[in-house]
N, C-alpha and C. Protein backbone atom coordinates (compact mmCIF):
# COMPACT_ATOMS: atom_id res chain seq x y z
N MET A 1 13.23 22.30 -85.72
CA MET A 1 12.71 23.58 -85.30
C MET A 1 13.72 24.21 -84.36
N GLN A 2 14.08 25.46 -84.58
CA GLN A 2 15.11 26.13 -83.81
C GLN A 2 14.68 26.35 -82.36
N ILE A 3 13.41 26.57 -82.11
CA ILE A 3 12.92 26.80 -80.76
C ILE A 3 13.22 25.59 -79.88
N THR A 4 12.98 24.42 -80.41
CA THR A 4 13.23 23.20 -79.66
C THR A 4 14.71 23.06 -79.32
N GLY A 5 15.56 23.36 -80.27
CA GLY A 5 17.00 23.28 -80.02
C GLY A 5 17.46 24.23 -78.93
N ILE A 6 16.91 25.43 -78.94
CA ILE A 6 17.26 26.41 -77.91
C ILE A 6 16.77 25.93 -76.55
N ALA A 7 15.54 25.42 -76.50
CA ALA A 7 14.99 24.92 -75.24
C ALA A 7 15.79 23.72 -74.73
N LEU A 8 16.18 22.83 -75.62
CA LEU A 8 16.99 21.67 -75.20
C LEU A 8 18.34 22.11 -74.65
N SER A 9 18.92 23.12 -75.27
CA SER A 9 20.18 23.66 -74.78
C SER A 9 20.00 24.24 -73.37
N GLY A 10 18.89 24.93 -73.17
CA GLY A 10 18.59 25.47 -71.85
C GLY A 10 18.39 24.38 -70.82
N MET A 11 17.76 23.28 -71.24
CA MET A 11 17.55 22.16 -70.33
C MET A 11 18.88 21.51 -69.95
N GLN A 12 19.79 21.42 -70.90
CA GLN A 12 21.11 20.85 -70.61
C GLN A 12 21.87 21.74 -69.64
N GLN A 13 21.76 23.05 -69.82
CA GLN A 13 22.42 23.99 -68.92
C GLN A 13 21.83 23.88 -67.51
N ALA A 14 20.51 23.78 -67.43
CA ALA A 14 19.85 23.63 -66.13
C ALA A 14 20.28 22.33 -65.47
N SER A 15 20.40 21.28 -66.24
CA SER A 15 20.83 19.99 -65.71
C SER A 15 22.25 20.06 -65.16
N SER A 16 23.10 20.76 -65.87
CA SER A 16 24.48 20.94 -65.42
C SER A 16 24.53 21.72 -64.11
N THR A 17 23.75 22.79 -64.03
CA THR A 17 23.68 23.59 -62.81
C THR A 17 23.17 22.75 -61.65
N LEU A 18 22.15 21.94 -61.92
CA LEU A 18 21.58 21.08 -60.90
C LEU A 18 22.62 20.09 -60.38
N GLU A 19 23.36 19.47 -61.28
CA GLU A 19 24.38 18.50 -60.87
C GLU A 19 25.47 19.16 -60.02
N LYS A 20 25.91 20.36 -60.42
CA LYS A 20 26.95 21.05 -59.65
C LYS A 20 26.46 21.39 -58.25
N ALA A 21 25.25 21.96 -58.16
CA ALA A 21 24.72 22.35 -56.86
C ALA A 21 24.47 21.12 -55.98
N ALA A 22 23.93 20.07 -56.56
CA ALA A 22 23.69 18.85 -55.80
C ALA A 22 24.99 18.24 -55.30
N GLY A 23 26.02 18.30 -56.12
CA GLY A 23 27.33 17.80 -55.70
C GLY A 23 27.89 18.57 -54.53
N LYS A 24 27.74 19.90 -54.58
CA LYS A 24 28.23 20.71 -53.47
C LYS A 24 27.43 20.45 -52.19
N ILE A 25 26.12 20.29 -52.33
CA ILE A 25 25.29 20.00 -51.16
C ILE A 25 25.65 18.63 -50.59
N ALA A 26 25.92 17.67 -51.44
CA ALA A 26 26.31 16.34 -50.97
C ALA A 26 27.63 16.39 -50.20
N LYS A 27 28.53 17.26 -50.62
CA LYS A 27 29.81 17.41 -49.91
C LYS A 27 29.61 18.03 -48.53
N ALA A 28 28.49 18.69 -48.32
CA ALA A 28 28.24 19.35 -47.04
C ALA A 28 28.04 18.34 -45.91
N THR A 29 27.89 17.07 -46.23
CA THR A 29 27.77 16.06 -45.17
C THR A 29 29.11 15.80 -44.49
N ASP A 30 30.19 16.20 -45.14
CA ASP A 30 31.52 16.08 -44.56
C ASP A 30 31.73 17.25 -43.59
N PRO A 31 31.95 16.98 -42.32
CA PRO A 31 32.11 18.07 -41.34
C PRO A 31 33.21 19.06 -41.70
N ALA A 32 34.25 18.61 -42.35
CA ALA A 32 35.34 19.51 -42.72
C ALA A 32 34.94 20.47 -43.84
N ALA A 33 33.97 20.07 -44.67
CA ALA A 33 33.58 20.89 -45.81
C ALA A 33 32.40 21.81 -45.52
N VAL A 34 31.75 21.63 -44.39
CA VAL A 34 30.54 22.41 -44.08
C VAL A 34 30.83 23.90 -44.09
N ASP A 35 31.96 24.32 -43.55
CA ASP A 35 32.28 25.74 -43.47
C ASP A 35 32.58 26.34 -44.84
N GLN A 36 32.93 25.51 -45.81
CA GLN A 36 33.30 26.02 -47.14
C GLN A 36 32.13 26.10 -48.10
N ILE A 37 30.99 25.56 -47.71
CA ILE A 37 29.85 25.50 -48.62
C ILE A 37 28.71 26.35 -48.06
N ASP A 38 28.20 27.26 -48.89
CA ASP A 38 27.06 28.08 -48.51
C ASP A 38 25.79 27.36 -48.98
N LEU A 39 25.15 26.66 -48.05
CA LEU A 39 23.99 25.86 -48.41
C LEU A 39 22.84 26.69 -48.95
N SER A 40 22.66 27.89 -48.44
CA SER A 40 21.55 28.71 -48.93
C SER A 40 21.73 29.08 -50.40
N SER A 41 22.94 29.43 -50.79
CA SER A 41 23.16 29.77 -52.21
C SER A 41 23.04 28.53 -53.09
N GLU A 42 23.44 27.37 -52.57
CA GLU A 42 23.32 26.14 -53.36
C GLU A 42 21.85 25.74 -53.51
N MET A 43 21.05 25.96 -52.48
CA MET A 43 19.62 25.67 -52.59
C MET A 43 18.96 26.62 -53.59
N VAL A 44 19.38 27.88 -53.58
CA VAL A 44 18.87 28.83 -54.57
C VAL A 44 19.25 28.38 -55.97
N ALA A 45 20.46 27.88 -56.13
CA ALA A 45 20.89 27.37 -57.44
C ALA A 45 20.04 26.17 -57.86
N LEU A 46 19.71 25.29 -56.90
CA LEU A 46 18.85 24.15 -57.22
C LEU A 46 17.47 24.61 -57.68
N LEU A 47 16.90 25.56 -56.96
CA LEU A 47 15.57 26.07 -57.32
C LEU A 47 15.61 26.78 -58.67
N ASP A 48 16.69 27.52 -58.92
CA ASP A 48 16.83 28.20 -60.21
C ASP A 48 16.93 27.19 -61.35
N ALA A 49 17.70 26.13 -61.13
CA ALA A 49 17.83 25.09 -62.16
C ALA A 49 16.49 24.43 -62.42
N ARG A 50 15.74 24.16 -61.36
CA ARG A 50 14.40 23.57 -61.51
C ARG A 50 13.49 24.48 -62.34
N ASN A 51 13.52 25.78 -62.02
CA ASN A 51 12.68 26.73 -62.76
C ASN A 51 13.10 26.84 -64.22
N GLN A 52 14.39 26.84 -64.47
CA GLN A 52 14.88 26.88 -65.85
C GLN A 52 14.42 25.64 -66.62
N PHE A 53 14.52 24.50 -65.98
CA PHE A 53 14.12 23.25 -66.63
C PHE A 53 12.63 23.28 -66.95
N GLN A 54 11.81 23.70 -65.99
CA GLN A 54 10.36 23.78 -66.21
C GLN A 54 10.02 24.76 -67.32
N THR A 55 10.68 25.90 -67.33
CA THR A 55 10.41 26.90 -68.36
C THR A 55 10.75 26.37 -69.74
N ASN A 56 11.90 25.72 -69.87
CA ASN A 56 12.28 25.16 -71.16
C ASN A 56 11.36 24.03 -71.58
N ALA A 57 10.87 23.25 -70.63
CA ALA A 57 9.91 22.20 -70.94
C ALA A 57 8.61 22.82 -71.47
N ARG A 58 8.19 23.94 -70.89
CA ARG A 58 6.99 24.63 -71.37
C ARG A 58 7.20 25.19 -72.78
N VAL A 59 8.40 25.67 -73.05
CA VAL A 59 8.70 26.18 -74.39
C VAL A 59 8.57 25.05 -75.41
N ILE A 60 9.12 23.90 -75.08
CA ILE A 60 9.02 22.75 -75.99
C ILE A 60 7.56 22.35 -76.18
N GLN A 61 6.80 22.32 -75.09
CA GLN A 61 5.38 21.96 -75.19
C GLN A 61 4.61 22.97 -76.04
N THR A 62 4.89 24.25 -75.85
CA THR A 62 4.22 25.29 -76.63
C THR A 62 4.57 25.17 -78.10
N GLY A 63 5.85 24.93 -78.40
CA GLY A 63 6.27 24.74 -79.79
C GLY A 63 5.58 23.54 -80.42
N ASP A 64 5.46 22.48 -79.65
CA ASP A 64 4.77 21.28 -80.13
C ASP A 64 3.30 21.57 -80.40
N ASP A 65 2.66 22.29 -79.49
CA ASP A 65 1.25 22.66 -79.67
C ASP A 65 1.06 23.54 -80.91
N MET A 66 1.98 24.48 -81.10
CA MET A 66 1.90 25.36 -82.27
C MET A 66 2.05 24.57 -83.55
N GLN A 67 2.97 23.62 -83.55
CA GLN A 67 3.20 22.79 -84.74
C GLN A 67 1.95 21.94 -85.05
N LYS A 68 1.35 21.37 -84.00
CA LYS A 68 0.13 20.59 -84.21
C LYS A 68 -1.00 21.45 -84.77
N THR A 69 -1.13 22.65 -84.23
CA THR A 69 -2.18 23.56 -84.71
C THR A 69 -1.95 23.91 -86.18
N MET A 70 -0.69 24.18 -86.53
CA MET A 70 -0.38 24.52 -87.93
C MET A 70 -0.70 23.36 -88.84
N LEU A 71 -0.34 22.15 -88.43
CA LEU A 71 -0.62 20.98 -89.26
C LEU A 71 -2.14 20.75 -89.40
N ASN A 72 -2.88 21.00 -88.33
CA ASN A 72 -4.33 20.86 -88.40
C ASN A 72 -4.96 21.89 -89.33
N LEU A 73 -4.38 23.10 -89.35
CA LEU A 73 -4.90 24.13 -90.25
C LEU A 73 -4.61 23.80 -91.72
N LEU A 74 -3.49 23.15 -91.95
CA LEU A 74 -3.11 22.80 -93.32
C LEU A 74 -3.87 21.58 -93.83
N ALA A 75 -4.34 20.76 -92.93
CA ALA A 75 -5.02 19.52 -93.32
C ALA A 75 -6.47 19.76 -93.69
């Protein structure tokens, strides 16, 4: 199903964004790097990645529900 593939792609993108933001936040523990990292924008990126992941998970769930309903109608 194409919807699932699109949602999985979105989940992979969200995961990548999450890893990048988490890596930058982890580097903020180094006193020399604190001035180079904008923690507020990285936290916004983390929240955005979380929301993207949740949205794509809902798309997959909705697609699954639709498929089950269709199969029940055909049976």
